[in-house]
Amino acid sequence: MFFAPFIEASGKKMARGTFNAISNVKIHTIAKEIPYVLNIMDKVDRLSIVKGSEHLMDITFDERQSGLSKDFRPDIPLIIHW
């Protein structure tokens, strides 16, 4: 179980501040060619490596059941969905 006290909905702390499972992790890289090690990692279940315009990690918890997201950019290159 994951706990995220920093996530808020409508300016209030969520009653449900926990997540049960990581559904997907997508890592965006600006590399022109994805290195061999990252190509191997791309074969791992629930993990994908993609070319993008910026370095970014996109994590989805609990199949995005609530339909909510939090974007932490520009402080850190992270977006989470739950």
Protein backbone atom coordinates (compact mmCIF):
# COMPACT_ATOMS: atom_id res chain seq x y z
CA MET A 1 0.00 0.00 0.00
CA PHE A 2 1.25 3.50 -0.86
CA PHE A 3 0.44 6.65 1.12
CA ALA A 4 0.48 10.10 -0.48
CA PRO A 5 -0.37 12.85 2.03
CA PHE A 6 0.53 15.56 -0.49
CA ILE A 7 -2.40 14.79 -2.79
CA GLU A 8 -5.35 17.08 -2.45
CA ALA A 9 -8.73 17.22 -4.15
CA SER A 10 -10.69 20.47 -4.33
CA GLY A 11 -8.34 22.12 -1.84
CA LYS A 12 -9.00 19.47 0.84
CA LYS A 13 -7.01 16.44 1.80
CA MET A 14 -8.45 13.33 0.22
CA ALA A 15 -10.21 10.94 2.53
CA ARG A 16 -8.46 8.19 0.62
CA GLY A 17 -4.78 9.05 0.66
CA THR A 18 -3.58 5.53 -0.08
CA PHE A 19 -3.04 3.51 -3.23
CA ASN A 20 -3.17 -0.27 -3.46
CA ALA A 21 -1.20 -1.04 -6.61
CA ILE A 22 0.97 0.48 -9.30
CA SER A 23 -0.87 -0.07 -12.57
CA ASN A 24 1.68 1.42 -14.94
CA VAL A 25 4.93 3.39 -15.00
CA LYS A 26 5.91 5.25 -18.16
CA ILE A 27 9.37 6.79 -18.37
CA HIS A 28 9.84 9.47 -21.02
CA THR A 29 13.39 10.12 -22.21
CA ILE A 30 14.81 12.71 -24.57
CA ALA A 31 17.49 10.29 -25.78
CA LYS A 32 17.68 10.10 -29.58
CA GLU A 33 18.15 6.36 -29.31
CA ILE A 34 16.97 4.34 -26.34
CA PRO A 35 19.99 2.54 -24.81
CA TYR A 36 20.13 -1.26 -24.66
CA VAL A 37 19.43 -1.39 -20.90
CA LEU A 38 16.29 0.76 -21.29
CA ASN A 39 15.11 -1.46 -24.16
CA ILE A 40 15.34 -4.44 -21.79
CA MET A 41 13.46 -2.51 -19.08
CA ASP A 42 10.74 -1.73 -21.62
CA LYS A 43 9.86 -5.43 -21.65
CA VAL A 44 9.00 -5.45 -17.92
CA ASP A 45 5.29 -5.78 -17.12
CA ARG A 46 3.65 -2.41 -16.34
CA LEU A 47 6.78 -0.43 -17.31
CA SER A 48 7.36 1.34 -20.59
CA ILE A 49 10.15 3.54 -21.90
CA VAL A 50 9.23 6.08 -24.58
CA LYS A 51 10.92 8.91 -26.43
CA GLY A 52 9.57 12.30 -25.44
CA SER A 53 10.27 16.01 -25.46
CA GLU A 54 11.33 15.98 -21.80
CA HIS A 55 12.49 13.63 -19.06
CA LEU A 56 9.35 12.58 -17.21
CA MET A 57 7.99 9.73 -15.10
CA ASP A 58 4.26 9.07 -15.37
CA ILE A 59 2.88 6.70 -12.70
CA THR A 60 -0.65 5.29 -12.60
CA PHE A 61 -2.06 3.79 -9.40
CA ASP A 62 -5.16 1.61 -9.02
CA GLU A 63 -6.03 1.67 -12.74
CA ARG A 64 -6.76 5.43 -12.38
CA GLN A 65 -10.12 4.62 -10.75
CA SER A 66 -10.72 8.10 -9.34
CA GLY A 67 -9.83 9.83 -12.62
CA LEU A 68 -7.57 12.30 -10.78
CA SER A 69 -3.99 13.39 -11.47
CA LYS A 70 -1.24 15.48 -9.91
CA ASP A 71 1.48 17.10 -12.02
CA PHE A 72 4.60 17.96 -10.01
CA ARG A 73 6.37 19.83 -12.81
CA PRO A 74 8.38 22.04 -12.87
CA ASP A 75 9.62 21.05 -9.38
CA ILE A 76 10.15 17.40 -10.32
CA PRO A 77 9.46 15.59 -13.62
CA LEU A 78 6.61 13.47 -12.27
CA ILE A 79 2.92 13.04 -12.95
CA ILE A 80 0.80 10.61 -10.95
CA HIS A 81 -2.70 9.39 -11.75
CA TRP A 82 -5.03 7.56 -9.39
